[in-house]
PDB file of N, CA and C in Angstrom:
ATOM      1  N   UNK A   1       5.939 -24.647  40.663  1.00  0.00           N
ATOM      2  CA  UNK A   1       6.278 -26.034  40.846  1.00  0.00           C
ATOM      3  C   UNK A   1       5.785 -26.845  39.654  1.00  0.00           C
ATOM      4  N   UNK A   2       6.645 -27.158  38.729  1.00  0.00           N
ATOM      5  CA  UNK A   2       6.234 -27.965  37.591  1.00  0.00           C
ATOM      6  C   UNK A   2       5.698 -29.314  38.053  1.00  0.00           C
ATOM      7  N   UNK A   3       4.746 -29.826  37.295  1.00  0.00           N
ATOM      8  CA  UNK A   3       4.182 -31.119  37.643  1.00  0.00           C
ATOM      9  C   UNK A   3       2.943 -31.049  38.509  1.00  0.00           C
ATOM     10  N   UNK A   4       2.657 -29.903  39.078  1.00  0.00           N
ATOM     11  CA  UNK A   4       1.446 -29.757  39.885  1.00  0.00           C
ATOM     12  C   UNK A   4       0.249 -29.610  38.968  1.00  0.00           C
ATOM     13  N   UNK A   5      -0.911 -29.953  39.507  1.00  0.00           N
ATOM     14  CA  UNK A   5      -2.113 -29.759  38.721  1.00  0.00           C
ATOM     15  C   UNK A   5      -3.264 -29.333  39.621  1.00  0.00           C
ATOM     16  N   UNK A   6      -4.324 -28.884  38.978  1.00  0.00           N
ATOM     17  CA  UNK A   6      -5.534 -28.446  39.664  1.00  0.00           C
ATOM     18  C   UNK A   6      -6.695 -29.077  38.915  1.00  0.00           C
ATOM     19  N   UNK A   7      -7.451 -29.930  39.579  1.00  0.00           N
ATOM     20  CA  UNK A   7      -8.560 -30.649  38.950  1.00  0.00           C
ATOM     21  C   UNK A   7      -8.065 -31.436  37.736  1.00  0.00           C
ATOM     22  N   UNK A   8      -6.850 -31.927  37.800  1.00  0.00           N
ATOM     23  CA  UNK A   8      -6.277 -32.667  36.693  1.00  0.00           C
ATOM     24  C   UNK A   8      -5.669 -31.804  35.606  1.00  0.00           C
ATOM     25  N   UNK A   9      -5.820 -30.499  35.715  1.00  0.00           N
ATOM     26  CA  UNK A   9      -5.304 -29.554  34.717  1.00  0.00           C
ATOM     27  C   UNK A   9      -3.894 -29.142  35.128  1.00  0.00           C
ATOM     28  N   UNK A  10      -2.919 -29.242  34.221  1.00  0.00           N
ATOM     29  CA  UNK A  10      -1.570 -28.791  34.576  1.00  0.00           C
ATOM     30  C   UNK A  10      -1.586 -27.336  35.058  1.00  0.00           C
ATOM     31  N   UNK A  11      -0.975 -27.093  36.176  1.00  0.00           N
ATOM     32  CA  UNK A  11      -0.994 -25.763  36.799  1.00  0.00           C
ATOM     33  C   UNK A  11      -0.482 -24.677  35.869  1.00  0.00           C
ATOM     34  N   UNK A  12       0.487 -25.010  35.039  1.00  0.00           N
ATOM     35  CA  UNK A  12       1.061 -23.987  34.158  1.00  0.00           C
ATOM     36  C   UNK A  12       0.080 -23.503  33.087  1.00  0.00           C
ATOM     37  N   UNK A  13      -1.013 -24.224  32.871  1.00  0.00           N
ATOM     38  CA  UNK A  13      -2.037 -23.783  31.914  1.00  0.00           C
ATOM     39  C   UNK A  13      -3.044 -22.819  32.529  1.00  0.00           C
ATOM     40  N   UNK A  14      -2.967 -22.650  33.841  1.00  0.00           N
ATOM     41  CA  UNK A  14      -3.931 -21.810  34.552  1.00  0.00           C
ATOM     42  C   UNK A  14      -3.251 -20.497  34.939  1.00  0.00           C
ATOM     43  N   UNK A  15      -3.706 -19.380  34.367  1.00  0.00           N
ATOM     44  CA  UNK A  15      -3.038 -18.098  34.613  1.00  0.00           C
ATOM     45  C   UNK A  15      -3.443 -17.416  35.925  1.00  0.00           C
ATOM     46  N   UNK A  16      -3.711 -18.176  36.958  1.00  0.00           N
ATOM     47  CA  UNK A  16      -4.083 -17.604  38.250  1.00  0.00           C
ATOM     48  C   UNK A  16      -2.820 -17.304  39.031  1.00  0.00           C
ATOM     49  N   UNK A  17      -2.535 -16.028  39.164  1.00  0.00           N
ATOM     50  CA  UNK A  17      -1.350 -15.592  39.922  1.00  0.00           C
ATOM     51  C   UNK A  17      -1.529 -14.138  40.336  1.00  0.00           C
ATOM     52  N   UNK A  18      -0.922 -13.762  41.438  1.00  0.00           N
ATOM     53  CA  UNK A  18      -1.047 -12.375  41.883  1.00  0.00           C
ATOM     54  C   UNK A  18      -0.136 -11.442  41.098  1.00  0.00           C
ATOM     55  N   UNK A  19      -0.536 -10.190  41.099  1.00  0.00           N
ATOM     56  CA  UNK A  19       0.285  -9.114  40.554  1.00  0.00           C
ATOM     57  C   UNK A  19       0.401  -8.073  41.661  1.00  0.00           C
ATOM     58  N   UNK A  20       1.603  -7.608  41.903  1.00  0.00           N
ATOM     59  CA  UNK A  20       1.830  -6.582  42.915  1.00  0.00           C
ATOM     60  C   UNK A  20       2.113  -5.270  42.211  1.00  0.00           C
ATOM     61  N   UNK A  21       1.323  -4.256  42.541  1.00  0.00           N
ATOM     62  CA  UNK A  21       1.529  -2.917  41.990  1.00  0.00           C
ATOM     63  C   UNK A  21       2.668  -2.267  42.774  1.00  0.00           C
ATOM     64  N   UNK A  22       3.828  -2.063  42.137  1.00  0.00           N
ATOM     65  CA  UNK A  22       4.978  -1.509  42.857  1.00  0.00           C
ATOM     66  C   UNK A  22       4.758  -0.082  43.361  1.00  0.00           C
ATOM     67  N   UNK A  23       3.804   0.621  42.766  1.00  0.00           N
ATOM     68  CA  UNK A  23       3.526   1.983  43.224  1.00  0.00           C
ATOM     69  C   UNK A  23       2.678   2.006  44.489  1.00  0.00           C
ATOM     70  N   UNK A  24       1.977   0.910  44.758  1.00  0.00           N
ATOM     71  CA  UNK A  24       1.115   0.844  45.943  1.00  0.00           C
ATOM     72  C   UNK A  24       1.748   0.072  47.096  1.00  0.00           C
ATOM     73  N   UNK A  25       2.612  -0.887  46.791  1.00  0.00           N
ATOM     74  CA  UNK A  25       3.201  -1.733  47.829  1.00  0.00           C
ATOM     75  C   UNK A  25       4.138  -0.905  48.715  1.00  0.00           C
ATOM     76  N   UNK A  26       3.905  -0.998  50.017  1.00  0.00           N
ATOM     77  CA  UNK A  26       4.750  -0.278  50.984  1.00  0.00           C
ATOM     78  C   UNK A  26       5.686  -1.223  51.740  1.00  0.00           C
ATOM     79  N   UNK A  27       5.663  -2.508  51.359  1.00  0.00           N
ATOM     80  CA  UNK A  27       6.567  -3.467  51.983  1.00  0.00           C
ATOM     81  C   UNK A  27       6.188  -3.872  53.386  1.00  0.00           C
ATOM     82  N   UNK A  28       4.915  -3.844  53.703  1.00  0.00           N
ATOM     83  CA  UNK A  28       4.472  -4.195  55.059  1.00  0.00           C
ATOM     84  C   UNK A  28       4.638  -5.683  55.367  1.00  0.00           C
ATOM     85  N   UNK A  29       4.601  -6.525  54.328  1.00  0.00           N
ATOM     86  CA  UNK A  29       4.811  -7.955  54.509  1.00  0.00           C
ATOM     87  C   UNK A  29       3.584  -8.759  54.892  1.00  0.00           C
ATOM     88  N   UNK A  30       2.415  -8.134  54.906  1.00  0.00           N
ATOM     89  CA  UNK A  30       1.193  -8.882  55.257  1.00  0.00           C
ATOM     90  C   UNK A  30       0.982 -10.071  54.322  1.00  0.00           C
ATOM     91  N   UNK A  31       1.258  -9.894  53.049  1.00  0.00           N
ATOM     92  CA  UNK A  31       1.078 -10.990  52.089  1.00  0.00           C
ATOM     93  C   UNK A  31       2.040 -12.137  52.389  1.00  0.00           C
ATOM     94  N   UNK A  32       3.248 -11.803  52.826  1.00  0.00           N
ATOM     95  CA  UNK A  32       4.215 -12.830  53.197  1.00  0.00           C
ATOM     96  C   UNK A  32       3.708 -13.648  54.375  1.00  0.00           C
ATOM     97  N   UNK A  33       3.070 -12.974  55.319  1.00  0.00           N
ATOM     98  CA  UNK A  33       2.535 -13.643  56.500  1.00  0.00           C
ATOM     99  C   UNK A  33       1.297 -14.457  56.177  1.00  0.00           C
ATOM    100  N   UNK A  34       0.537 -14.022  55.189  1.00  0.00           N
ATOM    101  CA  UNK A  34      -0.729 -14.659  54.839  1.00  0.00           C
ATOM    102  C   UNK A  34      -0.537 -15.877  53.944  1.00  0.00           C
ATOM    103  N   UNK A  35       0.404 -15.801  53.026  1.00  0.00           N
ATOM    104  CA  UNK A  35       0.611 -16.860  52.035  1.00  0.00           C
ATOM    105  C   UNK A  35       1.700 -17.832  52.503  1.00  0.00           C
ATOM    106  N   UNK A  36       1.331 -19.105  52.725  1.00  0.00           N
ATOM    107  CA  UNK A  36       2.320 -20.086  53.168  1.00  0.00           C
ATOM    108  C   UNK A  36       3.070 -20.764  52.009  1.00  0.00           C
ATOM    109  N   UNK A  37       2.825 -20.330  50.770  1.00  0.00           N
ATOM    110  CA  UNK A  37       3.330 -21.060  49.607  1.00  0.00           C
ATOM    111  C   UNK A  37       4.540 -20.445  48.920  1.00  0.00           C
ATOM    112  N   UNK A  38       5.187 -19.510  49.586  1.00  0.00           N
ATOM    113  CA  UNK A  38       6.403 -18.887  49.055  1.00  0.00           C
ATOM    114  C   UNK A  38       6.204 -18.272  47.671  1.00  0.00           C
ATOM    115  N   UNK A  39       5.033 -17.664  47.477  1.00  0.00           N
ATOM    116  CA  UNK A  39       4.739 -16.968  46.228  1.00  0.00           C
ATOM    117  C   UNK A  39       5.503 -15.651  46.186  1.00  0.00           C
ATOM    118  N   UNK A  40       5.656 -15.031  47.344  1.00  0.00           N
ATOM    119  CA  UNK A  40       6.257 -13.697  47.448  1.00  0.00           C
ATOM    120  C   UNK A  40       7.628 -13.743  48.113  1.00  0.00           C
ATOM    121  N   UNK A  41       8.385 -12.695  47.852  1.00  0.00           N
ATOM    122  CA  UNK A  41       9.633 -12.460  48.564  1.00  0.00           C
ATOM    123  C   UNK A  41       9.751 -10.948  48.773  1.00  0.00           C
ATOM    124  N   UNK A  42      10.351 -10.576  49.886  1.00  0.00           N
ATOM    125  CA  UNK A  42      10.578  -9.161  50.158  1.00  0.00           C
ATOM    126  C   UNK A  42      11.861  -8.735  49.465  1.00  0.00           C
ATOM    127  N   UNK A  43      11.761  -7.745  48.601  1.00  0.00           N
ATOM    128  CA  UNK A  43      12.931  -7.167  47.970  1.00  0.00           C
ATOM    129  C   UNK A  43      13.399  -6.058  48.901  1.00  0.00           C
ATOM    130  N   UNK A  44      14.404  -6.367  49.682  1.00  0.00           N
ATOM    131  CA  UNK A  44      14.894  -5.429  50.703  1.00  0.00           C
ATOM    132  C   UNK A  44      15.440  -4.148  50.069  1.00  0.00           C
ATOM    133  N   UNK A  45      16.074  -4.280  48.911  1.00  0.00           N
ATOM    134  CA  UNK A  45      16.632  -3.111  48.231  1.00  0.00           C
ATOM    135  C   UNK A  45      15.557  -2.110  47.847  1.00  0.00           C
ATOM    136  N   UNK A  46      14.450  -2.634  47.314  1.00  0.00           N
ATOM    137  CA  UNK A  46      13.364  -1.772  46.861  1.00  0.00           C
ATOM    138  C   UNK A  46      12.331  -1.488  47.949  1.00  0.00           C
ATOM    139  N   UNK A  47      12.371  -2.266  49.027  1.00  0.00           N
ATOM    140  CA  UNK A  47      11.425  -2.057  50.124  1.00  0.00           C
ATOM    141  C   UNK A  47      10.000  -2.448  49.781  1.00  0.00           C
ATOM    142  N   UNK A  48       9.871  -3.470  48.926  1.00  0.00           N
ATOM    143  CA  UNK A  48       8.529  -3.933  48.562  1.00  0.00           C
ATOM    144  C   UNK A  48       8.568  -5.430  48.227  1.00  0.00           C
ATOM    145  N   UNK A  49       7.385  -5.976  48.164  1.00  0.00           N
ATOM    146  CA  UNK A  49       7.225  -7.403  47.898  1.00  0.00           C
ATOM    147  C   UNK A  49       7.148  -7.645  46.401  1.00  0.00           C
ATOM    148  N   UNK A  50       7.691  -8.785  45.986  1.00  0.00           N
ATOM    149  CA  UNK A  50       7.627  -9.183  44.587  1.00  0.00           C
ATOM    150  C   UNK A  50       7.129 -10.618  44.489  1.00  0.00           C
ATOM    151  N   UNK A  51       6.469 -10.936  43.391  1.00  0.00           N
ATOM    152  CA  UNK A  51       6.023 -12.298  43.121  1.00  0.00           C
ATOM    153  C   UNK A  51       7.201 -13.041  42.499  1.00  0.00           C
ATOM    154  N   UNK A  52       7.623 -14.135  43.144  1.00  0.00           N
ATOM    155  CA  UNK A  52       8.752 -14.902  42.627  1.00  0.00           C
ATOM    156  C   UNK A  52       8.374 -16.332  42.239  1.00  0.00           C
ATOM    157  N   UNK A  53       7.294 -16.843  42.785  1.00  0.00           N
ATOM    158  CA  UNK A  53       6.845 -18.197  42.478  1.00  0.00           C
ATOM    159  C   UNK A  53       5.352 -18.188  42.166  1.00  0.00           C
ATOM    160  N   UNK A  54       4.947 -17.589  41.035  1.00  0.00           N
ATOM    161  CA  UNK A  54       3.517 -17.473  40.741  1.00  0.00           C
ATOM    162  C   UNK A  54       2.810 -18.813  40.621  1.00  0.00           C
ATOM    163  N   UNK A  55       3.514 -19.857  40.177  1.00  0.00           N
ATOM    164  CA  UNK A  55       2.913 -21.176  40.043  1.00  0.00           C
ATOM    165  C   UNK A  55       2.598 -21.835  41.374  1.00  0.00           C
ATOM    166  N   UNK A  56       3.153 -21.298  42.461  1.00  0.00           N
ATOM    167  CA  UNK A  56       2.859 -21.829  43.794  1.00  0.00           C
ATOM    168  C   UNK A  56       1.529 -21.314  44.334  1.00  0.00           C
ATOM    169  N   UNK A  57       0.985 -20.291  43.696  1.00  0.00           N
ATOM    170  CA  UNK A  57      -0.275 -19.707  44.148  1.00  0.00           C
ATOM    171  C   UNK A  57      -1.396 -20.728  43.966  1.00  0.00           C
ATOM    172  N   UNK A  58      -2.180 -20.926  44.999  1.00  0.00           N
ATOM    173  CA  UNK A  58      -3.308 -21.856  44.944  1.00  0.00           C
ATOM    174  C   UNK A  58      -4.389 -21.242  44.062  1.00  0.00           C
ATOM    175  N   UNK A  59      -4.831 -22.024  43.085  1.00  0.00           N
ATOM    176  CA  UNK A  59      -5.834 -21.539  42.139  1.00  0.00           C
ATOM    177  C   UNK A  59      -7.094 -21.114  42.899  1.00  0.00           C
ATOM    178  N   UNK A  60      -7.556 -19.910  42.594  1.00  0.00           N
ATOM    179  CA  UNK A  60      -8.742 -19.269  43.159  1.00  0.00           C
ATOM    180  C   UNK A  60      -8.539 -18.736  44.585  1.00  0.00           C
ATOM    181  N   UNK A  61      -7.358 -18.848  45.127  1.00  0.00           N
ATOM    182  CA  UNK A  61      -7.079 -18.257  46.444  1.00  0.00           C
ATOM    183  C   UNK A  61      -6.623 -16.816  46.227  1.00  0.00           C
ATOM    184  N   UNK A  62      -7.232 -15.901  46.976  1.00  0.00           N
ATOM    185  CA  UNK A  62      -6.830 -14.490  46.893  1.00  0.00           C
ATOM    186  C   UNK A  62      -6.796 -13.848  48.281  1.00  0.00           C
ATOM    187  N   UNK A  63      -6.582 -14.658  49.297  1.00  0.00           N
ATOM    188  CA  UNK A  63      -6.598 -14.165  50.683  1.00  0.00           C
ATOM    189  C   UNK A  63      -5.556 -13.077  50.917  1.00  0.00           C
ATOM    190  N   UNK A  64      -4.408 -13.192  50.287  1.00  0.00           N
ATOM    191  CA  UNK A  64      -3.354 -12.200  50.499  1.00  0.00           C
ATOM    192  C   UNK A  64      -3.835 -10.807  50.086  1.00  0.00           C
ATOM    193  N   UNK A  65      -4.617 -10.748  49.019  1.00  0.00           N
ATOM    194  CA  UNK A  65      -5.123  -9.454  48.547  1.00  0.00           C
ATOM    195  C   UNK A  65      -6.055  -8.827  49.583  1.00  0.00           C
ATOM    196  N   UNK A  66      -6.812  -9.654  50.287  1.00  0.00           N
ATOM    197  CA  UNK A  66      -7.722  -9.158  51.318  1.00  0.00           C
ATOM    198  C   UNK A  66      -6.967  -8.533  52.486  1.00  0.00           C
ATOM    199  N   UNK A  67      -5.754  -9.015  52.730  1.00  0.00           N
ATOM    200  CA  UNK A  67      -4.964  -8.506  53.846  1.00  0.00           C
ATOM    201  C   UNK A  67      -4.095  -7.308  53.469  1.00  0.00           C
ATOM    202  N   UNK A  68      -4.019  -7.003  52.188  1.00  0.00           N
ATOM    203  CA  UNK A  68      -3.199  -5.878  51.730  1.00  0.00           C
ATOM    204  C   UNK A  68      -4.001  -4.586  51.869  1.00  0.00           C
ATOM    205  N   UNK A  69      -3.688  -3.833  52.885  1.00  0.00           N
ATOM    206  CA  UNK A  69      -4.422  -2.585  53.150  1.00  0.00           C
ATOM    207  C   UNK A  69      -4.177  -1.527  52.076  1.00  0.00           C
ATOM    208  N   UNK A  70      -3.112  -1.661  51.322  1.00  0.00           N
ATOM    209  CA  UNK A  70      -2.790  -0.692  50.270  1.00  0.00           C
ATOM    210  C   UNK A  70      -3.477  -1.022  48.948  1.00  0.00           C
ATOM    211  N   UNK A  71      -4.073  -2.220  48.861  1.00  0.00           N
ATOM    212  CA  UNK A  71      -4.697  -2.636  47.603  1.00  0.00           C
ATOM    213  C   UNK A  71      -3.683  -2.860  46.497  1.00  0.00           C
ATOM    214  N   UNK A  72      -2.491  -3.297  46.872  1.00  0.00           N
ATOM    215  CA  UNK A  72      -1.411  -3.465  45.906  1.00  0.00           C
ATOM    216  C   UNK A  72      -1.450  -4.797  45.171  1.00  0.00           C
ATOM    217  N   UNK A  73      -2.242  -5.747  45.666  1.00  0.00           N
ATOM    218  CA  UNK A  73      -2.273  -7.084  45.074  1.00  0.00           C
ATOM    219  C   UNK A  73      -3.565  -7.286  44.302  1.00  0.00           C
ATOM    220  N   UNK A  74      -3.419  -7.766  43.075  1.00  0.00           N
ATOM    221  CA  UNK A  74      -4.600  -8.057  42.259  1.00  0.00           C
ATOM    222  C   UNK A  74      -4.446  -9.438  41.635  1.00  0.00           C
ATOM    223  N   UNK A  75      -5.567  -9.966  41.187  1.00  0.00           N
ATOM    224  CA  UNK A  75      -5.625 -11.285  40.567  1.00  0.00           C
ATOM    225  C   UNK A  75      -6.435 -11.198  39.286  1.00  0.00           C
ATOM    226  N   UNK A  76      -6.312 -12.215  38.430  1.00  0.00           N
ATOM    227  CA  UNK A  76      -7.153 -12.247  37.233  1.00  0.00           C
ATOM    228  C   UNK A  76      -8.632 -12.291  37.620  1.00  0.00           C
ATOM    229  N   UNK A  77      -9.498 -11.985  36.671  1.00  0.00           N
ATOM    230  CA  UNK A  77     -10.934 -11.998  36.900  1.00  0.00           C
ATOM    231  C   UNK A  77     -11.395 -13.411  37.276  1.00  0.00           C
ATOM    232  N   UNK A  78     -12.125 -13.530  38.377  1.00  0.00           N
ATOM    233  CA  UNK A  78     -12.581 -14.825  38.883  1.00  0.00           C
ATOM    234  C   UNK A  78     -13.515 -15.508  37.888  1.00  0.00           C
ATOM    235  N   UNK A  79     -14.467 -14.771  37.344  1.00  0.00           N
ATOM    236  CA  UNK A  79     -15.420 -15.383  36.401  1.00  0.00           C
ATOM    237  C   UNK A  79     -14.713 -15.908  35.157  1.00  0.00           C
ATOM    238  N   UNK A  80     -13.793 -15.138  34.642  1.00  0.00           N
ATOM    239  CA  UNK A  80     -13.055 -15.576  33.450  1.00  0.00           C
ATOM    240  C   UNK A  80     -12.193 -16.797  33.769  1.00  0.00           C
ATOM    241  N   UNK A  81     -11.620 -16.813  34.950  1.00  0.00           N
ATOM    242  CA  UNK A  81     -10.804 -17.955  35.350  1.00  0.00           C
ATOM    243  C   UNK A  81     -11.662 -19.204  35.497  1.00  0.00           C
ATOM    244  N   UNK A  82     -12.849 -19.058  36.069  1.00  0.00           N
ATOM    245  CA  UNK A  82     -13.760 -20.211  36.194  1.00  0.00           C
ATOM    246  C   UNK A  82     -14.156 -20.735  34.814  1.00  0.00           C
ATOM    247  N   UNK A  83     -14.439 -19.837  33.884  1.00  0.00           N
ATOM    248  CA  UNK A  83     -14.785 -20.251  32.521  1.00  0.00           C
ATOM    249  C   UNK A  83     -13.631 -21.044  31.900  1.00  0.00           C
ATOM    250  N   UNK A  84     -12.419 -20.538  32.082  1.00  0.00           N
ATOM    251  CA  UNK A  84     -11.243 -21.217  31.539  1.00  0.00           C
ATOM    252  C   UNK A  84     -11.078 -22.590  32.182  1.00  0.00           C
ATOM    253  N   UNK A  85     -11.266 -22.674  33.495  1.00  0.00           N
ATOM    254  CA  UNK A  85     -11.136 -23.960  34.181  1.00  0.00           C
ATOM    255  C   UNK A  85     -12.142 -24.976  33.648  1.00  0.00           C
ATOM    256  N   UNK A  86     -13.366 -24.540  33.430  1.00  0.00           N
ATOM    257  CA  UNK A  86     -14.381 -25.437  32.876  1.00  0.00           C
ATOM    258  C   UNK A  86     -13.995 -25.906  31.480  1.00  0.00           C
ATOM    259  N   UNK A  87     -13.504 -24.989  30.666  1.00  0.00           N
ATOM    260  CA  UNK A  87     -13.079 -25.323  29.306  1.00  0.00           C
ATOM    261  C   UNK A  87     -11.918 -26.319  29.327  1.00  0.00           C
ATOM    262  N   UNK A  88     -10.920 -26.054  30.155  1.00  0.00           N
ATOM    263  CA  UNK A  88      -9.760 -26.938  30.241  1.00  0.00           C
ATOM    264  C   UNK A  88     -10.143 -28.303  30.791  1.00  0.00           C
ATOM    265  N   UNK A  89     -11.038 -28.336  31.781  1.00  0.00           N
ATOM    266  CA  UNK A  89     -11.498 -29.611  32.349  1.00  0.00           C
ATOM    267  C   UNK A  89     -12.244 -30.418  31.293  1.00  0.00           C
ATOM    268  N   UNK A  90     -13.063 -29.759  30.487  1.00  0.00           N
ATOM    269  CA  UNK A  90     -13.803 -30.443  29.418  1.00  0.00           C
ATOM    270  C   UNK A  90     -12.827 -30.996  28.385  1.00  0.00           C
ATOM    271  N   UNK A  91     -11.843 -30.210  28.003  1.00  0.00           N
ATOM    272  CA  UNK A  91     -10.840 -30.672  27.045  1.00  0.00           C
ATOM    273  C   UNK A  91     -10.095 -31.891  27.582  1.00  0.00           C
ATOM    274  N   UNK A  92      -9.769 -31.856  28.859  1.00  0.00           N
ATOM    275  CA  UNK A  92      -9.077 -32.972  29.499  1.00  0.00           C
ATOM    276  C   UNK A  92      -9.946 -34.228  29.492  1.00  0.00           C
ATOM    277  N   UNK A  93     -11.210 -34.066  29.826  1.00  0.00           N
ATOM    278  CA  UNK A  93     -12.146 -35.199  29.830  1.00  0.00           C
ATOM    279  C   UNK A  93     -12.344 -35.746  28.429  1.00  0.00           C
ATOM    280  N   UNK A  94     -12.488 -34.879  27.448  1.00  0.00           N
ATOM    281  CA  UNK A  94     -12.634 -35.316  26.057  1.00  0.00           C
ATOM    282  C   UNK A  94     -11.398 -36.100  25.595  1.00  0.00           C
ATOM    283  N   UNK A  95     -10.227 -35.621  25.976  1.00  0.00           N
ATOM    284  CA  UNK A  95      -8.992 -36.297  25.611  1.00  0.00           C
ATOM    285  C   UNK A  95      -8.903 -37.680  26.263  1.00  0.00           C
ATOM    286  N   UNK A  96      -9.360 -37.788  27.495  1.00  0.00           N
ATOM    287  CA  UNK A  96      -9.339 -39.082  28.197  1.00  0.00           C
ATOM    288  C   UNK A  96     -10.291 -40.069  27.533  1.00  0.00           C
ATOM    289  N   UNK A  97     -11.451 -39.576  27.125  1.00  0.00           N
ATOM    290  CA  UNK A  97     -12.451 -40.436  26.494  1.00  0.00           C
ATOM    291  C   UNK A  97     -11.983 -40.940  25.129  1.00  0.00           C
ATOM    292  N   UNK A  98     -11.306 -40.084  24.400  1.00  0.00           N
ATOM    293  CA  UNK A  98     -10.902 -40.454  23.044  1.00  0.00           C
ATOM    294  C   UNK A  98      -9.562 -41.197  22.998  1.00  0.00           C
ATOM    295  N   UNK A  99      -8.835 -41.140  24.082  1.00  0.00           N
ATOM    296  CA  UNK A  99      -7.504 -41.722  24.047  1.00  0.00           C
ATOM    297  C   UNK A  99      -7.327 -42.842  24.954  1.00  0.00           C
TER     298      UNK A  99
END
């Protein structure tokens, strides 16, 4: 969803999104049931879930991965993402102060 932001940071600058391992996904749909943000869609042809709206994923939310019994869903490193968020927030604040 273009135009969304997190802590004032444009969402598209934040690389927080799930990745589904197609070799592990069995198409159970637990992630579809867990995530209310239409991040996933079931690919009926392939019998597995795919990420179709990564920008809809709530930053730092990884509940869907906890419900995936196959371990097919992964996310970027939390610590690295927090570091990036702090850096981007500081840049945003610096820009506001100077402009």
